[in-house]
Protein backbone atom coordinates (compact mmCIF):
# COMPACT_ATOMS: atom_id res chain seq x y z
CA UNK A 1 85.47 117.50 10.08
CA UNK A 2 88.41 117.92 12.48
CA UNK A 3 89.15 121.51 13.45
CA UNK A 4 92.83 122.59 13.37
CA UNK A 5 94.13 123.82 16.73
CA UNK A 6 96.17 126.98 16.42
CA UNK A 7 99.14 127.59 18.79
CA UNK A 8 98.27 129.80 21.74
CA UNK A 9 101.70 130.79 23.08
CA UNK A 10 104.70 132.47 21.42
CA UNK A 11 106.95 129.38 21.80
CA UNK A 12 104.20 127.19 20.37
CA UNK A 13 103.72 129.64 17.48
CA UNK A 14 107.43 129.65 16.69
CA UNK A 15 107.62 125.87 16.79
CA UNK A 16 104.48 125.54 14.66
CA UNK A 17 105.79 128.09 12.12
CA UNK A 18 109.25 126.50 11.97
CA UNK A 19 107.79 123.04 11.49
CA UNK A 20 105.56 124.31 8.67
CA UNK A 21 108.39 126.22 6.92
CA UNK A 22 110.83 123.32 7.27
CA UNK A 23 108.28 120.94 5.79
CA UNK A 24 107.75 123.32 2.87
CA UNK A 25 111.49 123.70 2.31
CA UNK A 26 112.05 119.94 2.50
CA UNK A 27 109.28 119.31 0.02
CA UNK A 28 110.58 121.98 -2.35
CA UNK A 29 114.16 120.72 -2.05
CA UNK A 30 112.98 117.21 -2.88
CA UNK A 31 111.09 118.51 -5.94
CA UNK A 32 114.17 120.38 -7.12
CA UNK A 33 116.50 117.44 -6.56
CA UNK A 34 114.14 115.15 -8.47
CA UNK A 35 113.85 117.57 -11.40
CA UNK A 36 116.12 116.86 -14.33
CA UNK A 37 118.83 119.40 -15.13
CA UNK A 38 117.63 122.07 -17.54
CA UNK A 39 119.05 121.61 -21.04
CA UNK A 40 120.78 124.77 -22.34
CA UNK A 41 121.29 125.47 -26.05
CA UNK A 42 124.29 127.81 -26.09
CA UNK A 43 126.42 129.47 -28.77
CA UNK A 44 130.16 128.98 -29.12
CA UNK A 45 130.84 132.39 -30.67
CA UNK A 46 133.00 135.03 -29.06
CA UNK A 47 130.14 137.40 -28.25
CA UNK A 48 128.36 135.27 -25.56
CA UNK A 49 131.64 134.44 -23.78
CA UNK A 50 131.00 136.69 -20.74
CA UNK A 51 127.49 135.23 -20.34
CA UNK A 52 128.92 131.70 -20.08
CA UNK A 53 131.64 132.43 -17.51
CA UNK A 54 130.20 130.56 -14.50
CA UNK A 55 129.08 127.64 -16.67
CA UNK A 56 132.63 127.15 -17.97
CA UNK A 57 134.82 128.11 -15.00
CA UNK A 58 135.21 126.93 -11.43
CA UNK A 59 134.17 127.30 -8.71
CA UNK A 60 130.63 127.85 -10.04
CA UNK A 61 130.82 125.35 -12.92
CA UNK A 62 130.45 122.23 -10.78
CA UNK A 63 127.46 123.59 -8.85
CA UNK A 64 125.72 124.73 -12.04
CA UNK A 65 126.35 121.36 -13.70
CA UNK A 66 123.91 119.83 -11.22
CA UNK A 67 121.18 122.16 -12.50
CA UNK A 68 122.05 122.62 -16.20
CA UNK A 69 123.38 120.57 -19.12
CA UNK A 70 124.95 122.62 -21.93
CA UNK A 71 125.21 121.90 -25.65
CA UNK A 72 126.84 124.35 -28.06
CA UNK A 73 125.49 125.14 -31.54
CA UNK A 74 124.78 127.90 -34.05
CA UNK A 75 122.24 130.61 -33.08
CA UNK A 76 119.46 129.40 -35.40
CA UNK A 77 119.84 125.88 -33.99
CA UNK A 78 119.14 127.19 -30.48
CA UNK A 79 115.72 128.28 -31.68
CA UNK A 80 115.15 124.95 -33.42
CA UNK A 81 115.95 123.02 -30.22
CA UNK A 82 113.41 125.08 -28.28
CA UNK A 83 110.77 124.42 -30.95
CA UNK A 84 111.13 120.63 -30.70
CA UNK A 85 108.62 118.67 -28.59
CA UNK A 86 109.65 118.78 -24.94
CA UNK A 87 110.31 115.03 -24.80
CA UNK A 88 112.45 114.97 -27.96
CA UNK A 89 116.02 113.82 -27.18
CA UNK A 90 117.48 116.91 -28.87
CA UNK A 91 115.09 119.41 -27.28
CA UNK A 92 116.38 122.28 -25.12
CA UNK A 93 114.72 123.95 -22.14
CA UNK A 94 116.68 127.21 -22.26
CA UNK A 95 118.41 128.79 -25.22
CA UNK A 96 120.30 131.90 -26.22
CA UNK A 97 117.70 132.66 -28.84
CA UNK A 98 117.80 135.07 -31.78
CA UNK A 99 114.97 137.47 -31.07
CA UNK A 100 113.23 136.66 -34.34
CA UNK A 101 112.65 133.13 -33.03
CA UNK A 102 110.57 134.42 -30.12
CA UNK A 103 107.93 135.62 -32.56
CA UNK A 104 107.86 132.26 -34.32
CA UNK A 105 108.05 129.87 -31.34
CA UNK A 106 105.20 129.62 -28.87
CA UNK A 107 105.48 128.87 -25.17
CA UNK A 108 108.73 130.76 -24.52
CA UNK A 109 109.46 133.38 -21.87
CA UNK A 110 112.38 135.79 -21.83
CA UNK A 111 114.73 135.17 -18.90
CA UNK A 112 115.25 138.69 -17.48
CA UNK A 113 118.63 140.35 -17.22
CA UNK A 114 120.89 139.31 -20.09
CA UNK A 115 121.15 140.12 -23.78
CA UNK A 116 123.50 140.14 -26.72
CA UNK A 117 122.97 143.73 -27.82
CA UNK A 118 124.71 146.83 -29.10
CA UNK A 119 124.23 150.54 -28.52
CA UNK A 120 126.76 151.53 -31.17
CA UNK A 121 128.77 149.61 -33.73
CA UNK A 122 128.84 145.85 -33.18
CA UNK A 123 131.53 144.77 -35.74
CA UNK A 124 130.30 141.16 -35.92
CA UNK A 125 127.21 141.82 -38.08
CA UNK A 126 127.98 143.13 -41.53
CA UNK A 127 126.45 143.85 -44.89
CA UNK A 128 129.26 143.99 -47.45
CA UNK A 129 128.71 145.45 -50.93
CA UNK A 130 130.78 146.73 -53.81
CA UNK A 131 131.49 150.46 -53.64
CA UNK A 132 130.37 150.72 -57.27
CA UNK A 133 126.85 149.48 -56.47
CA UNK A 134 124.60 151.57 -54.19
CA UNK A 135 122.24 149.87 -51.74
CA UNK A 136 119.21 150.97 -53.78
CA UNK A 137 120.30 148.85 -56.76
CA UNK A 138 121.14 145.65 -54.85
CA UNK A 139 119.00 142.78 -56.14
CA UNK A 140 120.43 139.75 -54.31
CA UNK A 141 122.12 139.25 -50.93
CA UNK A 142 124.09 136.13 -49.98
CA UNK A 143 123.06 135.60 -46.37
CA UNK A 144 124.73 133.60 -43.65
CA UNK A 145 121.45 132.50 -42.10
CA UNK A 146 122.95 131.14 -38.85
CA UNK A 147 121.02 133.92 -37.07
CA UNK A 148 117.35 134.49 -37.87
CA UNK A 149 117.41 137.81 -36.05
CA UNK A 150 120.17 139.30 -38.20
CA UNK A 151 118.37 138.19 -41.35
CA UNK A 152 115.14 139.83 -40.15
CA UNK A 153 116.96 143.03 -39.12
CA UNK A 154 118.64 143.24 -42.53
CA UNK A 155 115.36 142.74 -44.35
CA UNK A 156 113.86 145.58 -42.28
CA UNK A 157 116.85 147.79 -43.09
CA UNK A 158 116.35 147.22 -46.82
CA UNK A 159 112.77 148.44 -46.42
CA UNK A 160 114.04 151.51 -44.57
CA UNK A 161 116.62 152.02 -47.33
CA UNK A 162 113.72 152.02 -49.84
CA UNK A 163 114.79 148.75 -51.44
CA UNK A 164 112.19 146.19 -50.31
CA UNK A 165 112.70 143.94 -53.35
CA UNK A 166 116.18 142.59 -52.62
CA UNK A 167 116.23 138.80 -52.38
CA UNK A 168 118.13 136.88 -49.69
CA UNK A 169 119.82 133.58 -50.48
CA UNK A 170 121.40 131.20 -47.98
CA UNK A 171 125.15 130.85 -48.36
CA UNK A 172 128.14 129.59 -46.39
CA UNK A 173 130.02 132.51 -44.75
CA UNK A 174 132.76 132.96 -47.35
CA UNK A 175 132.94 136.58 -48.49
CA UNK A 176 134.67 136.00 -51.82
CA UNK A 177 132.30 133.19 -52.81
CA UNK A 178 129.27 135.19 -51.69
CA UNK A 179 130.18 138.23 -53.77
CA UNK A 180 131.03 136.05 -56.77
CA UNK A 181 127.37 134.98 -56.91
CA UNK A 182 125.44 137.93 -55.43
CA UNK A 183 125.41 141.73 -55.18
CA UNK A 184 126.06 141.83 -51.44
CA UNK A 185 126.92 139.57 -48.51
CA UNK A 186 125.58 139.38 -44.96
CA UNK A 187 128.11 138.03 -42.43
CA UNK A 188 127.44 137.09 -38.81
CA UNK A 189 129.62 136.45 -35.77
CA UNK A 190 133.26 135.44 -35.99
CA UNK A 191 133.32 135.33 -39.85
CA UNK A 192 132.30 139.01 -39.84
CA UNK A 193 135.15 139.86 -37.47
CA UNK A 194 137.59 137.96 -39.69
CA UNK A 195 136.33 139.85 -42.77
CA UNK A 196 136.94 143.20 -41.08
CA UNK A 197 140.45 142.20 -40.07
CA UNK A 198 141.14 141.07 -43.66
CA UNK A 199 139.65 144.21 -45.21
CA UNK A 200 142.85 145.94 -46.36
CA UNK A 201 144.54 142.71 -47.41
CA UNK A 202 141.54 141.70 -49.50
CA UNK A 203 141.48 145.01 -51.32
CA UNK A 204 145.21 144.63 -52.02
CA UNK A 205 144.67 141.08 -53.31
CA UNK A 206 141.67 141.77 -55.52
CA UNK A 207 141.80 145.48 -56.31
CA UNK A 208 138.08 145.60 -55.48
CA UNK A 209 136.82 148.32 -53.13
CA UNK A 210 134.07 147.20 -50.79
CA UNK A 211 131.77 149.00 -48.33
CA UNK A 212 131.33 147.29 -44.95
CA UNK A 213 128.06 148.33 -43.30
CA UNK A 214 127.91 147.69 -39.55
CA UNK A 215 124.30 146.54 -39.28
CA UNK A 216 123.81 147.59 -35.66
CA UNK A 217 125.17 151.06 -36.40
CA UNK A 218 122.84 151.38 -39.41
CA UNK A 219 119.87 150.20 -37.33
CA UNK A 220 120.54 152.67 -34.52
CA UNK A 221 121.03 155.50 -37.02
CA UNK A 222 117.61 154.84 -38.59
CA UNK A 223 115.52 153.88 -35.54
CA UNK A 224 117.21 155.50 -32.54
CA UNK A 225 117.00 152.30 -30.47
CA UNK A 226 119.57 149.61 -29.59
CA UNK A 227 120.16 146.49 -31.65
CA UNK A 228 119.34 143.28 -29.74
CA UNK A 229 120.54 140.05 -31.29
CA UNK A 230 119.59 137.43 -28.72
CA UNK A 231 118.21 136.83 -25.24
CA UNK A 232 118.00 133.85 -22.93
CA UNK A 233 114.55 132.23 -23.27
CA UNK A 234 112.99 129.32 -21.39
CA UNK A 235 110.05 127.07 -22.15
CA UNK A 236 107.16 127.86 -19.82
CA UNK A 237 106.63 124.12 -19.34
CA UNK A 238 110.29 123.62 -18.40
CA UNK A 239 110.16 126.46 -15.89
CA UNK A 240 107.14 124.89 -14.22
CA UNK A 241 108.68 121.41 -14.15
CA UNK A 242 112.01 122.68 -12.77
CA UNK A 243 110.61 123.47 -9.32
CA UNK A 244 112.49 126.79 -9.47
CA UNK A 245 111.31 130.35 -9.89
CA UNK A 246 112.17 132.59 -12.82
CA UNK A 247 114.05 134.89 -10.44
CA UNK A 248 116.23 132.00 -9.25
CA UNK A 249 117.08 130.92 -12.79
CA UNK A 250 117.67 134.51 -13.92
CA UNK A 251 120.06 134.98 -10.99
CA UNK A 252 122.24 132.10 -12.23
CA UNK A 253 122.55 133.76 -15.64
CA UNK A 254 123.02 137.35 -14.48
CA UNK A 255 125.64 136.32 -11.90
CA UNK A 256 127.48 134.41 -14.62
CA UNK A 257 127.37 137.52 -16.86
CA UNK A 258 128.62 139.80 -14.09
CA UNK A 259 131.53 137.51 -13.24
CA UNK A 260 132.32 137.18 -16.94
CA UNK A 261 132.49 140.95 -17.33
CA UNK A 262 134.73 141.09 -14.25
CA UNK A 263 137.09 138.57 -15.90
CA UNK A 264 137.57 140.19 -19.30
CA UNK A 265 141.36 139.80 -19.09
CA UNK A 266 141.00 136.03 -18.74
CA UNK A 267 138.46 135.87 -21.58
CA UNK A 268 140.75 137.89 -23.85
CA UNK A 269 143.59 135.47 -23.13
CA UNK A 270 141.37 132.41 -23.73
CA UNK A 271 139.85 133.65 -26.98
CA UNK A 272 143.10 135.06 -28.38
CA UNK A 273 144.32 131.47 -28.43
CA UNK A 274 141.16 130.29 -30.23
CA UNK A 275 140.68 132.95 -32.91
CA UNK A 276 142.99 134.66 -35.43
CA UNK A 277 142.22 138.03 -33.83
CA UNK A 278 144.46 140.28 -31.75
CA UNK A 279 143.93 140.66 -28.02
CA UNK A 280 143.12 144.36 -28.61
CA UNK A 281 140.34 143.53 -31.07
CA UNK A 282 138.83 140.92 -28.75
CA UNK A 283 138.97 143.25 -25.74
CA UNK A 284 137.31 146.11 -27.63
CA UNK A 285 134.64 143.78 -28.97
CA UNK A 286 133.70 142.39 -25.53
CA UNK A 287 133.84 145.72 -23.71
CA UNK A 288 132.77 148.35 -26.26
CA UNK A 289 130.88 146.67 -29.09
CA UNK A 290 128.59 144.27 -27.18
CA UNK A 291 126.15 145.33 -24.46
CA UNK A 292 125.12 142.47 -22.18
CA UNK A 293 122.23 143.85 -20.11
CA UNK A 294 118.57 143.67 -21.07
CA UNK A 295 117.78 147.13 -19.76
CA UNK A 296 114.79 149.37 -20.50
CA UNK A 297 116.39 150.82 -23.65
CA UNK A 298 116.93 147.30 -24.98
CA UNK A 299 113.39 146.26 -24.17
CA UNK A 300 112.19 149.29 -26.13
CA UNK A 301 114.50 148.22 -28.96
CA UNK A 302 112.82 144.81 -28.96
CA UNK A 303 109.41 146.44 -29.27
CA UNK A 304 110.52 148.57 -32.24
CA UNK A 305 112.02 145.52 -33.94
CA UNK A 306 108.86 143.42 -33.51
CA UNK A 307 106.62 146.29 -34.67
CA UNK A 308 108.65 146.88 -37.85
CA UNK A 309 109.04 143.17 -38.57
CA UNK A 310 105.24 142.81 -38.40
CA UNK A 311 104.67 145.98 -40.44
CA UNK A 312 106.81 144.66 -43.30
CA UNK A 313 105.41 141.12 -42.92
CA UNK A 314 108.81 139.68 -42.08
CA UNK A 315 107.60 138.11 -38.82
CA UNK A 316 104.17 137.49 -37.29
CA UNK A 317 102.89 140.04 -34.80
CA UNK A 318 104.49 139.47 -31.41
CA UNK A 319 103.58 141.04 -28.07
CA UNK A 320 106.23 141.03 -25.36
């Protein structure tokens, strides 16, 4: 067996070290360049807009396009794409995943740093009921099931409201149609924002008085912890195959979030042209209603959610 000769002088040591490091870097760069771009399942709602800033705006967009391919869909579909076999043509590697999906989908890791969360009222997640019918007597809820997390949160809230027997039925997000068939309606995302904006006009049209429960506000009132709707999650197998570290991938997403939050004026202008909402409503929603950092309080909120979801047999036991 040949014995390796170690460098004996400082110049030799530096040359030997540099050669070794350069070889490592070259090999790692080759592995990264040969790896396929990571497939992102993203959500085209208003609330993730700051998270997507670098992926949708230059100068970062072009550089990120070499590392990521983005497809937009509903929140529940993000989870479905991550649950597909890795080699399926519709599979995703990274997704903005409703937190309920983490408990139901194996092999996923949370990408640190970002969240869709709220530490107060969120506005875009509502339970709407008739003022004449208290929560305790609600038997059926028409649920927009585009987010598994919101459905699970609402089921937990009904347990905490001492009404564990209410049934949830999938329905398109149309408030009038939902309430025509059921006692209450659960609205998610942009349809919830539209319903709030139409609140006074609807009452004038129909003469019916409704109660609009902000689900995040109700959750925080009862549990004392933040509401977390979604986090970025990556397949463990995709992380390994990417040739990149979790810290490197997380940096792409947190930098995008930070630049998005620094460009709120531009986002307000963009989304005011897309949605029938005022610039003031959009600005307040992005800056006051949604919290975008997965901090320690939010991680504690995740733990409380998973513990209660398991307690009431809404989701399987999940350990973060």
